[in-house]
């Protein structure tokens, strides 16, 4: 339980009795300011969100499952830009199998990955 005393939140594990006995000289050893808590929670959320983005996978209509993390999205975008209509590129899928991916399939995978990332991004 977090305890609030005089506008200061105390860490988990500090009992109400212990909180009452802490004098103002030692208060910073056991507490944190609400603004610090908000910053810490935001940082933890961002770390969690980054891990979720790194784990994105998407499956195209052809049944191929692509990695959808940010680096993979960048690679898809470069390939889409470089490929002409009807050309394919060898692509390593999420399960490490290799496929010949067309520009259209890479576009589909990129759109799906971008949508998945956007859904994670707007949570907080």
Protein backbone atom coordinates (compact mmCIF):
# COMPACT_ATOMS: atom_id res chain seq x y z
CA UNK A 1 0.00 0.00 0.00
CA UNK A 2 1.28 3.46 -0.83
CA UNK A 3 0.83 5.99 1.97
CA UNK A 4 0.30 9.71 1.47
CA UNK A 5 1.57 11.98 4.24
CA UNK A 6 1.67 15.76 3.87
CA UNK A 7 1.55 15.48 0.07
CA UNK A 8 4.36 12.91 -0.06
CA UNK A 9 3.83 9.34 -1.28
CA UNK A 10 5.71 6.59 0.52
CA UNK A 11 7.06 3.52 -1.21
CA UNK A 12 5.45 0.10 -1.11
CA UNK A 13 6.48 -1.73 2.03
CA UNK A 14 6.58 1.28 4.36
CA UNK A 15 3.98 0.67 7.05
CA UNK A 16 1.63 3.32 8.36
CA UNK A 17 3.33 3.12 11.76
CA UNK A 18 6.78 3.49 10.22
CA UNK A 19 5.55 6.40 8.11
CA UNK A 20 4.36 8.20 11.23
CA UNK A 21 7.76 7.77 12.89
CA UNK A 22 9.86 9.08 10.00
CA UNK A 23 11.01 12.59 10.74
CA UNK A 24 11.25 15.25 8.07
CA UNK A 25 15.06 14.97 7.88
CA UNK A 26 14.79 11.34 6.70
CA UNK A 27 11.63 11.66 4.62
CA UNK A 28 13.49 11.56 1.26
CA UNK A 29 14.99 8.16 2.12
CA UNK A 30 11.55 6.55 2.10
CA UNK A 31 9.37 8.69 -0.11
CA UNK A 32 9.01 10.29 -3.48
CA UNK A 33 7.14 13.31 -4.76
CA UNK A 34 3.94 12.67 -6.76
CA UNK A 35 5.57 14.33 -9.82
CA UNK A 36 8.45 11.85 -9.55
CA UNK A 37 5.94 9.00 -9.39
CA UNK A 38 4.21 10.24 -12.54
CA UNK A 39 7.54 10.52 -14.36
CA UNK A 40 8.54 7.03 -13.23
CA UNK A 41 5.20 5.56 -14.28
CA UNK A 42 5.47 7.28 -17.69
CA UNK A 43 9.00 5.93 -18.14
CA UNK A 44 7.87 2.41 -17.22
CA UNK A 45 4.95 2.70 -19.66
CA UNK A 46 7.28 3.82 -22.45
CA UNK A 47 9.67 0.93 -21.76
CA UNK A 48 6.75 -1.50 -21.80
CA UNK A 49 5.39 0.01 -25.02
CA UNK A 50 8.83 -0.24 -26.68
CA UNK A 51 8.98 -3.93 -25.79
CA UNK A 52 5.50 -4.47 -27.25
CA UNK A 53 6.46 -2.65 -30.47
CA UNK A 54 9.61 -4.77 -30.73
CA UNK A 55 7.43 -7.90 -30.53
CA UNK A 56 4.94 -6.96 -33.28
CA UNK A 57 4.26 -9.65 -35.86
CA UNK A 58 1.75 -9.44 -38.69
CA UNK A 59 0.28 -12.05 -41.01
CA UNK A 60 -0.57 -11.14 -44.59
CA UNK A 61 -3.44 -12.51 -46.65
CA UNK A 62 -0.94 -14.94 -48.20
CA UNK A 63 -0.40 -16.44 -44.74
CA UNK A 64 3.16 -15.17 -44.27
CA UNK A 65 4.03 -13.85 -40.81
CA UNK A 66 6.43 -10.92 -40.84
CA UNK A 67 8.26 -9.24 -37.99
CA UNK A 68 6.66 -5.83 -37.53
CA UNK A 69 9.10 -4.03 -35.24
CA UNK A 70 10.38 -0.59 -36.24
CA UNK A 71 13.56 -1.86 -37.90
CA UNK A 72 11.57 -4.38 -39.96
CA UNK A 73 9.14 -1.62 -40.97
CA UNK A 74 12.08 0.46 -42.20
CA UNK A 75 13.40 -2.47 -44.22
CA UNK A 76 9.95 -3.05 -45.72
CA UNK A 77 9.67 0.62 -46.70
CA UNK A 78 13.09 0.57 -48.40
CA UNK A 79 12.22 -2.58 -50.33
CA UNK A 80 8.82 -1.23 -51.37
CA UNK A 81 10.53 1.89 -52.69
CA UNK A 82 13.17 -0.06 -54.61
CA UNK A 83 11.00 -2.82 -56.09
CA UNK A 84 9.27 -2.40 -59.43
CA UNK A 85 5.80 -3.81 -60.04
CA UNK A 86 6.01 -7.60 -60.32
CA UNK A 87 9.46 -7.88 -58.70
CA UNK A 88 10.06 -9.87 -55.54
CA UNK A 89 12.73 -9.93 -52.88
CA UNK A 90 13.88 -12.79 -50.70
CA UNK A 91 12.58 -12.13 -47.20
CA UNK A 92 13.20 -13.87 -43.89
CA UNK A 93 9.89 -14.28 -42.09
CA UNK A 94 9.22 -14.28 -38.34
CA UNK A 95 9.80 -18.05 -38.11
CA UNK A 96 13.12 -17.66 -40.01
CA UNK A 97 11.75 -19.33 -43.14
CA UNK A 98 12.49 -17.57 -46.41
CA UNK A 99 9.90 -16.40 -48.92
CA UNK A 100 9.83 -14.35 -52.08
CA UNK A 101 7.86 -11.28 -51.05
CA UNK A 102 6.27 -9.03 -53.62
CA UNK A 103 6.03 -5.28 -53.31
CA UNK A 104 2.29 -5.60 -52.69
CA UNK A 105 2.75 -8.13 -49.90
CA UNK A 106 5.40 -5.94 -48.26
CA UNK A 107 3.01 -2.97 -48.49
CA UNK A 108 0.32 -5.05 -46.81
CA UNK A 109 2.72 -6.16 -44.06
CA UNK A 110 3.93 -2.58 -43.56
CA UNK A 111 0.36 -1.26 -43.27
CA UNK A 112 -0.52 -3.97 -40.75
CA UNK A 113 2.62 -3.35 -38.69
CA UNK A 114 2.08 0.41 -38.75
CA UNK A 115 -1.51 -0.03 -37.58
CA UNK A 116 -0.42 -2.36 -34.77
CA UNK A 117 2.24 0.13 -33.67
CA UNK A 118 -0.20 3.04 -33.80
CA UNK A 119 -2.63 1.11 -31.59
CA UNK A 120 0.14 0.64 -29.01
CA UNK A 121 1.37 4.21 -29.33
CA UNK A 122 -1.91 5.92 -28.49
CA UNK A 123 -2.56 3.97 -25.29
CA UNK A 124 -0.82 6.48 -23.10
